[in-house]
Amino acid sequence: MITFITAFRKFKPPFDKIQFSAIYSWKANNIKVIAPLNEVGLKEKLKNQDNITLIEGVKRARELGFNNQSPIIKDLIDKALCYIDTILVAYINSDIIISENFSHIIQKIIDKYGYDFYAVGSRLNIELKECINSSEEYKKVFTQEKENYDESTSSDIFITSKFNWRKIIYEMPEYILGRWGWDNYLHMRGEILNLKKYNCSEILPILHCKHNFRHIFLQEKAWERKAPSTLYNMALWERTRSIYGTTRISKWPKMKV
């Protein structure tokens, strides 16, 4: 029905419980996942996750001269698509928990819209106290108090067909995943290509687990938007923004089934 593409961070606090909780929700929905083998020890950490395929050879930020292992999103998607046999594909961030009925709603979306659409969803923010290890904990996490995020800066899931993904990444610059700007570019590609765009935030609620960005400081000795890799991404986005402007998914039609 649908396959996820993602990229895992190191399974160290707080990202160990966050990512394992996300994986629990994906597995509960019988979703296969393709991810790059970009961190030392990743294969061992995920050895019991039979729904996850790790692929090698994805270009990383280190190859552009930056001190981190984050993948280049264009290369990640390009290589991951070769391993996918479903028509529908989603890029999703590794710290995102999906709802219990996610796959059920995806089938309803396919029944109504077919496969020729581009749906982007924004997250709700939560404080994850414990790793999800049971269906009871899974249900409980969706009853927690949630915080809305600005839709222009918090898109965490992008859903479309394999065919559309090829078009989206065709001219994409080498954005570094996990740094500012790459999601803005994916929004704009929907506009440039005149895809059938939808905001799926309400119909497919997703939870983002709060965390700080200390990992960026440890890698690059600079906080968030001052990190060299972030400045690099911002410069790439500025070139696109100067030509096409910006877009917000809040202005896109809401997906309904």
Protein backbone atom coordinates (compact mmCIF):
# COMPACT_ATOMS: atom_id res chain seq x y z
CA MET A 1 0.00 0.00 0.00
CA ILE A 2 2.66 2.53 1.11
CA THR A 3 6.37 2.44 1.95
CA PHE A 4 8.24 4.88 4.20
CA ILE A 5 11.63 6.42 3.51
CA THR A 6 13.40 7.81 6.56
CA ALA A 7 16.85 8.40 8.05
CA PHE A 8 17.65 7.44 11.62
CA ARG A 9 19.81 9.39 14.03
CA LYS A 10 22.09 7.57 16.45
CA PHE A 11 20.05 5.56 18.95
CA LYS A 12 21.28 7.55 21.94
CA PRO A 13 19.13 9.50 24.44
CA PRO A 14 16.71 11.03 23.74
CA PHE A 15 16.53 9.64 20.21
CA ASP A 16 16.58 5.98 21.26
CA LYS A 17 13.13 5.99 22.90
CA ILE A 18 11.79 8.49 20.36
CA GLN A 19 12.82 6.48 17.30
CA PHE A 20 11.85 3.10 18.74
CA SER A 21 8.42 4.55 19.56
CA ALA A 22 8.07 5.79 15.99
CA ILE A 23 9.12 2.37 14.68
CA TYR A 24 6.52 0.71 16.94
CA SER A 25 3.78 2.80 15.34
CA TRP A 26 5.01 2.07 11.80
CA LYS A 27 5.23 -1.65 12.47
CA ALA A 28 1.75 -1.67 14.02
CA ASN A 29 0.52 -0.35 10.66
CA ASN A 30 2.45 -3.03 8.70
CA ILE A 31 4.54 -0.44 6.89
CA LYS A 32 7.86 -1.31 5.29
CA VAL A 33 10.68 1.20 5.77
CA ILE A 34 13.79 2.02 3.74
CA ALA A 35 16.60 3.89 5.53
CA PRO A 36 20.30 4.59 4.91
CA LEU A 37 22.98 2.76 6.85
CA ASN A 38 24.52 6.10 7.78
CA GLU A 39 25.42 5.62 11.45
CA VAL A 40 27.84 3.21 13.12
CA GLY A 41 25.96 0.51 15.03
CA LEU A 42 22.65 1.11 13.26
CA LYS A 43 22.43 -2.41 11.85
CA GLU A 44 22.83 -3.91 15.33
CA LYS A 45 20.23 -1.59 16.86
CA LEU A 46 17.66 -2.51 14.21
CA LYS A 47 18.46 -6.21 13.84
CA ASN A 48 15.03 -7.25 15.21
CA GLN A 49 13.05 -4.84 13.03
CA ASP A 50 12.06 -7.02 10.09
CA ASN A 51 10.06 -4.23 8.44
CA ILE A 52 13.18 -2.06 7.97
CA THR A 53 15.65 -2.35 5.09
CA LEU A 54 18.97 -0.52 5.47
CA ILE A 55 20.69 0.56 2.27
CA GLU A 56 24.29 1.54 1.70
CA GLY A 57 25.89 4.10 -0.58
CA VAL A 58 23.70 7.12 0.23
CA LYS A 59 25.66 10.38 -0.03
CA ARG A 60 26.22 12.16 3.28
CA ALA A 61 26.98 15.68 4.46
CA ARG A 62 30.52 14.61 5.31
CA GLU A 63 31.15 14.21 1.59
CA LEU A 64 30.28 17.90 1.17
CA GLY A 65 32.82 18.85 3.84
CA PHE A 66 30.57 19.03 6.92
CA ASN A 67 31.16 17.25 10.21
CA ASN A 68 28.03 15.12 10.30
CA GLN A 69 26.64 11.93 8.81
CA SER A 70 23.26 13.30 7.74
CA PRO A 71 22.20 12.03 4.31
CA ILE A 72 21.63 14.19 1.26
CA ILE A 73 17.87 13.88 0.89
CA LYS A 74 17.87 13.83 -2.92
CA ASP A 75 20.31 10.91 -2.99
CA LEU A 76 18.45 9.10 -0.21
CA ILE A 77 15.11 9.23 -2.02
CA ASP A 78 16.68 8.41 -5.39
CA LYS A 79 18.36 5.26 -4.06
CA ALA A 80 15.49 4.22 -1.77
CA LEU A 81 12.97 4.26 -4.62
CA CYS A 82 14.92 1.43 -6.25
CA TYR A 83 14.00 -0.84 -3.30
CA ILE A 84 10.29 0.02 -3.23
CA ASP A 85 7.53 -1.96 -4.92
CA THR A 86 4.51 0.03 -3.71
CA ILE A 87 3.10 2.83 -5.85
CA LEU A 88 2.66 5.16 -2.88
CA VAL A 89 5.75 6.35 -1.01
CA ALA A 90 6.16 8.68 1.97
CA TYR A 91 9.21 10.44 3.28
CA ILE A 92 8.76 10.64 7.06
CA ASN A 93 11.11 11.91 9.76
CA SER A 94 12.42 9.26 12.14
CA ASP A 95 10.90 10.89 15.25
CA ILE A 96 7.30 10.80 14.00
CA ILE A 97 4.63 8.57 15.54
CA ILE A 98 1.67 7.77 13.28
CA SER A 99 -1.85 6.91 14.44
CA GLU A 100 -3.21 3.38 14.86
CA ASN A 101 -5.53 3.80 11.87
CA PHE A 102 -2.93 5.35 9.56
CA SER A 103 -2.93 2.48 7.04
CA HIS A 104 -6.73 2.35 7.09
CA ILE A 105 -6.92 6.06 6.24
CA ILE A 106 -4.29 5.68 3.51
CA GLN A 107 -6.49 3.04 1.85
CA LYS A 108 -9.46 5.42 2.01
CA ILE A 109 -7.31 8.16 0.46
CA ILE A 110 -6.30 5.83 -2.38
CA ASP A 111 -9.95 4.86 -2.92
CA LYS A 112 -10.95 8.52 -3.25
CA TYR A 113 -7.91 10.21 -4.83
CA GLY A 114 -6.09 7.37 -6.57
CA TYR A 115 -2.30 7.76 -6.55
CA ASP A 116 -1.83 11.05 -8.38
CA PHE A 117 -1.63 13.46 -5.45
CA TYR A 118 0.96 15.17 -3.27
CA ALA A 119 -0.02 15.27 0.41
CA VAL A 120 2.03 16.99 3.10
CA GLY A 121 1.32 16.79 6.81
CA SER A 122 2.37 18.92 9.77
CA ARG A 123 2.98 17.57 13.22
CA LEU A 124 1.62 17.92 16.70
CA ASN A 125 4.30 18.21 19.36
CA ILE A 126 4.31 16.01 22.48
CA GLU A 127 6.56 15.24 25.42
CA LEU A 128 7.40 11.53 25.21
CA LYS A 129 8.18 10.24 28.69
CA GLU A 130 8.54 6.51 27.99
CA CYS A 131 9.25 4.36 24.95
CA ILE A 132 6.11 2.85 23.40
CA ASN A 133 6.24 -0.92 23.91
CA SER A 134 2.57 -1.92 24.02
CA SER A 135 -0.75 -1.20 22.35
CA GLU A 136 -1.96 0.45 25.57
CA GLU A 137 0.99 2.86 25.58
CA TYR A 138 0.43 3.47 21.88
CA LYS A 139 -3.20 4.47 22.48
CA LYS A 140 -2.26 6.60 25.49
CA VAL A 141 0.29 8.73 23.66
CA PHE A 142 -2.41 10.11 21.35
CA THR A 143 -4.43 11.30 24.38
CA GLN A 144 -1.55 13.46 25.67
CA GLU A 145 -1.65 17.23 25.54
CA LYS A 146 -0.38 18.36 22.15
CA GLU A 147 1.16 21.56 20.86
CA ASN A 148 0.52 22.84 17.34
CA TYR A 149 3.47 23.89 15.23
CA ASP A 150 3.75 26.46 12.46
CA GLU A 151 2.85 24.61 9.27
CA SER A 152 5.55 26.39 7.29
CA THR A 153 8.34 24.91 9.42
CA SER A 154 7.05 21.61 10.74
CA SER A 155 6.19 19.33 7.82
CA ASP A 156 7.26 15.82 8.71
CA ILE A 157 5.52 13.61 6.17
CA PHE A 158 5.38 13.91 2.38
CA ILE A 159 3.22 11.40 0.49
CA THR A 160 3.03 10.85 -3.26
CA SER A 161 3.60 8.24 -5.96
CA LYS A 162 7.00 6.87 -6.98
CA PHE A 163 6.49 8.58 -10.34
CA ASN A 164 5.92 11.97 -8.70
CA TRP A 165 8.90 11.50 -6.38
CA ARG A 166 11.14 11.10 -9.41
CA LYS A 167 9.87 14.43 -10.74
CA ILE A 168 10.18 16.16 -7.36
CA ILE A 169 13.85 15.26 -6.86
CA TYR A 170 14.88 15.62 -10.52
CA GLU A 171 16.38 19.12 -10.16
CA MET A 172 16.69 19.15 -6.38
CA PRO A 173 19.92 20.64 -4.99
CA GLU A 174 21.93 18.62 -2.48
CA TYR A 175 20.04 19.58 0.67
CA ILE A 176 21.27 18.06 3.92
CA LEU A 177 18.53 16.27 5.81
CA GLY A 178 17.85 17.49 9.33
CA ARG A 179 18.93 21.05 8.59
CA TRP A 180 16.74 24.04 7.80
CA GLY A 181 15.19 24.50 4.35
CA TRP A 182 14.85 21.10 2.70
CA ASP A 183 11.14 20.82 3.56
CA ASN A 184 10.48 24.34 2.22
CA TYR A 185 11.98 23.18 -1.06
CA LEU A 186 9.73 20.10 -1.17
CA HIS A 187 6.69 22.34 -0.59
CA MET A 188 7.72 24.56 -3.48
CA ARG A 189 8.34 21.63 -5.85
CA GLY A 190 4.67 20.78 -5.49
CA GLU A 191 3.86 24.28 -6.75
CA ILE A 192 6.46 24.31 -9.52
CA LEU A 193 5.34 20.94 -10.88
CA ASN A 194 1.65 21.83 -10.49
CA LEU A 195 0.98 18.60 -8.60
CA LYS A 196 -2.43 17.91 -7.04
CA LYS A 197 -1.49 19.27 -3.62
CA TYR A 198 -3.27 18.57 -0.35
CA ASN A 199 -2.78 19.31 3.33
CA CYS A 200 -3.23 15.98 5.15
CA SER A 201 -2.47 17.27 8.67
CA GLU A 202 -6.00 16.70 10.00
CA ILE A 203 -6.83 13.42 8.30
CA LEU A 204 -3.43 11.86 9.14
CA PRO A 205 -2.44 13.21 12.57
CA ILE A 206 1.21 12.64 13.40
CA LEU A 207 3.07 13.20 16.65
CA HIS A 208 6.52 14.72 16.93
CA CYS A 209 8.47 14.00 20.10
CA LYS A 210 10.09 17.08 21.61
CA HIS A 211 13.88 17.15 21.66
CA ASN A 212 16.65 19.71 21.67
CA PHE A 213 19.20 20.22 18.92
CA ARG A 214 22.29 19.53 20.99
CA HIS A 215 23.37 16.90 18.44
CA ILE A 216 24.00 19.68 15.91
CA PHE A 217 26.18 21.57 18.39
CA LEU A 218 28.18 18.44 19.23
CA GLN A 219 28.80 17.79 15.54
CA GLU A 220 29.55 21.31 14.33
CA LYS A 221 30.26 23.38 17.47
CA ALA A 222 27.50 25.83 16.57
CA TRP A 223 23.83 25.99 17.48
CA GLU A 224 21.13 25.23 14.92
CA ARG A 225 20.90 28.07 12.37
CA LYS A 226 24.53 29.06 12.91
CA ALA A 227 25.84 25.59 12.09
CA PRO A 228 27.79 25.47 8.80
CA SER A 229 25.54 22.77 7.32
CA THR A 230 22.43 24.81 8.19
CA LEU A 231 23.88 27.94 6.57
CA TYR A 232 24.62 25.83 3.50
CA ASN A 233 20.99 24.66 3.29
CA MET A 234 19.69 28.19 3.85
CA ALA A 235 21.77 29.45 0.93
CA LEU A 236 20.33 26.72 -1.31
CA TRP A 237 16.79 27.62 -0.31
CA GLU A 238 17.38 31.34 -0.83
CA ARG A 239 18.18 30.67 -4.50
CA THR A 240 14.84 28.91 -4.99
CA ARG A 241 12.90 31.41 -2.88
CA SER A 242 14.31 34.36 -4.84
CA ILE A 243 12.87 32.89 -8.05
CA TYR A 244 9.60 31.28 -6.94
CA GLY A 245 8.77 32.87 -3.60
CA THR A 246 7.37 30.75 -0.77
CA THR A 247 4.33 28.59 -0.18
CA ARG A 248 2.43 27.36 2.87
CA ILE A 249 0.58 24.07 3.02
CA SER A 250 -2.09 25.79 5.14
CA LYS A 251 -3.24 27.30 1.83
CA TRP A 252 -3.53 23.89 0.17
CA PRO A 253 -6.92 22.09 0.09
CA LYS A 254 -7.51 19.86 3.10
CA MET A 255 -7.59 16.17 2.26
CA LYS A 256 -10.89 14.50 3.20
CA VAL A 257 -12.29 10.97 2.93
